[in-house]
């Protein structure tokens, strides 16, 4: 029957997604401690409660698993939607002033960094010794740079950027200010509240790239 086949197909899709999420969760835990290089696929499979062959069938290997873990950790889901096409990006573009744009981005930044800090900091450490991790880390750096170039263009278009600063220079400041290690140090180590971190971000970037208020 068509109804039965549709139900079975939906069930298989749900099971496949649950399996994928379990493997990603296991990798997120183990790549942080004991670390990417020290974690074999067998350990990931055991943590996820699946067969080793399943990990390879779903992700093809540890390198691709790390790459997809970074993507999912940053976006918060596995939907194939670019960051620039997500609702928060449209909300930033819709804000009428540079300060409002920075404030909206700061809220997004705190949400993302609370989710990704452990994994990205672990990736940065692994990149120093592992070629696969280094390649993924450098891709992440470049992706962040491209994102900040788009954000910088939006800020420049407001006409509120200080004289003498072009899009590239503004992007440099944005890229530095959004580094997850700032969040790690100020919020997780020094105990700043998320709202304090948001205000620090806005004040820091505004002071560096906007005309004096």
Protein backbone atom coordinates (compact mmCIF):
# COMPACT_ATOMS: atom_id res chain seq x y z
CA UNK A 1 0.00 0.00 0.00
CA UNK A 2 1.13 3.55 -0.72
CA UNK A 3 0.31 4.71 2.83
CA UNK A 4 2.41 1.95 4.38
CA UNK A 5 5.37 2.64 2.09
CA UNK A 6 5.19 6.35 2.90
CA UNK A 7 5.11 5.60 6.63
CA UNK A 8 8.07 3.23 6.33
CA UNK A 9 10.00 5.80 4.30
CA UNK A 10 9.32 8.52 6.87
CA UNK A 11 10.36 6.14 9.66
CA UNK A 12 13.64 5.32 7.91
CA UNK A 13 14.36 9.02 7.40
CA UNK A 14 13.74 9.73 11.07
CA UNK A 15 15.99 6.85 12.08
CA UNK A 16 18.73 8.01 9.71
CA UNK A 17 18.57 11.53 11.10
CA UNK A 18 18.66 10.28 14.69
CA UNK A 19 21.69 8.14 13.87
CA UNK A 20 23.43 11.09 12.24
CA UNK A 21 22.69 13.31 15.24
CA UNK A 22 23.96 10.66 17.66
CA UNK A 23 27.25 10.38 15.77
CA UNK A 24 27.66 14.16 15.66
CA UNK A 25 26.96 14.42 19.40
CA UNK A 26 29.54 11.71 20.10
CA UNK A 27 32.11 13.47 17.94
CA UNK A 28 31.40 16.80 19.62
CA UNK A 29 32.13 15.23 22.99
CA UNK A 30 35.20 13.22 22.06
CA UNK A 31 36.86 15.74 19.75
CA UNK A 32 36.94 18.11 22.73
CA UNK A 33 38.20 15.50 25.18
CA UNK A 34 40.40 13.53 24.57
CA UNK A 35 40.73 15.45 21.28
CA UNK A 36 40.49 14.94 17.53
CA UNK A 37 43.80 13.18 17.00
CA UNK A 38 43.31 10.92 20.02
CA UNK A 39 39.79 9.82 19.02
CA UNK A 40 39.49 6.83 16.67
CA UNK A 41 36.33 6.14 14.73
CA UNK A 42 35.76 3.09 16.92
CA UNK A 43 35.43 5.36 19.97
CA UNK A 44 32.94 7.61 18.18
CA UNK A 45 30.86 4.59 17.16
CA UNK A 46 30.88 3.23 20.72
CA UNK A 47 29.86 6.60 22.18
CA UNK A 48 27.06 6.95 19.63
CA UNK A 49 25.88 3.38 20.09
CA UNK A 50 26.29 2.46 16.43
CA UNK A 51 28.51 0.17 14.39
CA UNK A 52 31.81 1.48 13.08
CA UNK A 53 30.58 0.78 9.56
CA UNK A 54 27.63 3.08 10.20
CA UNK A 55 29.93 6.01 10.95
CA UNK A 56 31.74 5.45 7.67
CA UNK A 57 28.48 4.98 5.78
CA UNK A 58 27.04 8.26 7.08
CA UNK A 59 30.15 10.45 7.02
CA UNK A 60 32.78 8.64 5.00
CA UNK A 61 35.47 9.11 7.63
CA UNK A 62 36.69 11.17 10.54
CA UNK A 63 37.77 14.20 8.50
CA UNK A 64 34.38 14.72 6.92
CA UNK A 65 32.73 14.10 10.28
CA UNK A 66 34.80 16.91 11.78
CA UNK A 67 33.95 19.23 8.90
CA UNK A 68 30.22 18.59 9.19
CA UNK A 69 30.35 18.88 12.98
CA UNK A 70 31.82 22.38 12.62
CA UNK A 71 29.08 23.37 10.16
CA UNK A 72 26.27 22.03 12.35
CA UNK A 73 27.74 23.55 15.50
CA UNK A 74 27.90 26.98 13.89
CA UNK A 75 24.44 26.93 12.32
CA UNK A 76 22.70 25.01 15.09
CA UNK A 77 21.08 22.58 12.65
CA UNK A 78 21.82 20.51 9.56
CA UNK A 79 19.53 22.37 7.19
CA UNK A 80 21.22 23.26 3.86
CA UNK A 81 20.71 27.01 4.29
CA UNK A 82 23.62 29.45 3.98
CA UNK A 83 24.25 31.76 6.93
CA UNK A 84 23.58 34.78 4.74
CA UNK A 85 20.10 33.41 3.93
CA UNK A 86 19.05 32.78 7.54
CA UNK A 87 16.54 34.99 9.36
CA UNK A 88 19.08 36.67 11.64
CA UNK A 89 21.03 37.92 8.60
CA UNK A 90 17.90 39.43 7.07
CA UNK A 91 17.12 41.09 10.39
CA UNK A 92 20.59 42.64 10.50
CA UNK A 93 20.25 43.96 6.96
CA UNK A 94 16.85 45.43 7.83
CA UNK A 95 18.15 47.44 10.78
CA UNK A 96 18.35 51.16 9.86
CA UNK A 97 21.55 52.15 11.68
CA UNK A 98 25.04 50.75 12.12
CA UNK A 99 24.63 50.52 15.89
CA UNK A 100 21.38 48.61 15.54
CA UNK A 101 23.05 46.21 13.11
CA UNK A 102 25.93 45.63 15.51
CA UNK A 103 23.55 45.07 18.42
CA UNK A 104 21.52 42.49 16.45
CA UNK A 105 24.68 40.71 15.35
CA UNK A 106 25.98 40.70 18.94
CA UNK A 107 22.87 38.80 20.07
CA UNK A 108 23.41 36.25 17.33
CA UNK A 109 27.12 36.00 18.15
CA UNK A 110 26.50 35.14 21.80
CA UNK A 111 24.03 32.42 20.85
CA UNK A 112 26.46 30.86 18.38
CA UNK A 113 29.54 31.10 20.55
CA UNK A 114 27.82 29.55 23.54
CA UNK A 115 27.17 26.57 21.27
CA UNK A 116 30.45 26.38 19.40
CA UNK A 117 33.17 27.49 21.83
CA UNK A 118 34.31 24.04 22.97
CA UNK A 119 34.38 22.56 19.48
CA UNK A 120 36.09 25.49 17.75
CA UNK A 121 38.73 25.88 20.44
CA UNK A 122 39.41 22.15 20.22
CA UNK A 123 39.66 22.47 16.44
CA UNK A 124 42.15 25.33 16.74
CA UNK A 125 44.30 23.19 19.02
CA UNK A 126 44.08 20.15 16.76
CA UNK A 127 45.03 22.25 13.73
CA UNK A 128 48.52 22.75 15.15
CA UNK A 129 49.34 19.06 14.78
CA UNK A 130 46.87 17.43 12.38
CA UNK A 131 46.76 18.29 8.65
CA UNK A 132 43.05 17.45 8.29
CA UNK A 133 42.12 19.60 11.26
CA UNK A 134 44.37 22.38 9.97
CA UNK A 135 42.62 22.37 6.59
CA UNK A 136 39.19 22.54 8.21
CA UNK A 137 40.34 25.28 10.62
CA UNK A 138 41.68 27.41 7.76
CA UNK A 139 38.43 26.92 5.84
CA UNK A 140 36.52 28.07 8.91
CA UNK A 141 38.76 31.14 9.19
CA UNK A 142 38.15 31.99 5.55
CA UNK A 143 34.40 31.43 5.86
CA UNK A 144 34.31 33.82 8.82
CA UNK A 145 36.32 36.36 6.84
CA UNK A 146 33.87 36.18 3.94
CA UNK A 147 30.94 36.57 6.30
CA UNK A 148 32.50 39.64 7.87
CA UNK A 149 33.18 41.13 4.44
CA UNK A 150 29.44 40.98 3.73
CA UNK A 151 28.65 42.46 7.13
CA UNK A 152 31.25 45.19 6.58
CA UNK A 153 29.66 46.13 3.27
CA UNK A 154 26.32 46.48 5.04
CA UNK A 155 27.86 48.75 7.68
CA UNK A 156 29.66 50.89 5.10
CA UNK A 157 26.38 51.35 3.22
CA UNK A 158 24.89 53.12 6.24
CA UNK A 159 27.28 56.04 5.70
CA UNK A 160 28.25 55.89 9.38
CA UNK A 161 31.71 54.35 9.01
CA UNK A 162 34.64 56.59 9.95
CA UNK A 163 36.44 58.41 7.16
CA UNK A 164 39.40 56.54 5.73
CA UNK A 165 38.04 53.05 6.46
CA UNK A 166 37.07 50.83 3.56
CA UNK A 167 35.17 47.55 3.58
CA UNK A 168 38.31 45.43 4.03
CA UNK A 169 39.51 47.37 7.07
CA UNK A 170 36.06 47.24 8.66
CA UNK A 171 35.94 43.49 7.98
CA UNK A 172 39.30 43.07 9.71
CA UNK A 173 37.90 44.64 12.88
CA UNK A 174 34.69 42.59 12.70
CA UNK A 175 36.65 39.39 12.14
CA UNK A 176 38.89 40.01 15.14
CA UNK A 177 36.06 41.04 17.47
CA UNK A 178 33.96 37.96 16.70
CA UNK A 179 36.76 35.47 17.43
CA UNK A 180 35.44 32.74 19.73
CA UNK A 181 38.46 33.08 21.98
CA UNK A 182 37.16 36.49 23.09
CA UNK A 183 33.97 34.81 24.25
CA UNK A 184 35.91 32.00 25.90
CA UNK A 185 38.07 34.40 27.86
CA UNK A 186 35.50 37.01 28.88
CA UNK A 187 32.36 34.92 29.42
CA UNK A 188 33.56 31.43 30.26
CA UNK A 189 36.76 32.28 32.11
CA UNK A 190 36.16 35.75 33.52
CA UNK A 191 32.47 35.25 34.22
CA UNK A 192 31.00 38.09 32.17
CA UNK A 193 27.27 37.91 31.63
CA UNK A 194 26.20 37.45 27.99
CA UNK A 195 24.67 40.95 28.00
CA UNK A 196 28.00 42.43 29.12
CA UNK A 197 29.76 40.60 26.32
CA UNK A 198 27.24 41.88 23.78
CA UNK A 199 27.77 45.44 24.97
CA UNK A 200 31.56 44.99 24.85
CA UNK A 201 31.28 43.76 21.27
CA UNK A 202 29.12 46.68 20.15
CA UNK A 203 31.22 49.29 21.96
CA UNK A 204 34.50 47.82 20.72
CA UNK A 205 33.51 47.59 17.07
CA UNK A 206 31.64 50.92 17.06
CA UNK A 207 34.61 52.68 18.65
CA UNK A 208 36.95 51.24 16.04
CA UNK A 209 34.99 51.72 12.82
CA UNK A 210 32.16 54.24 13.25
CA UNK A 211 32.31 58.01 13.26
CA UNK A 212 32.35 59.57 16.72
CA UNK A 213 28.89 59.77 18.20
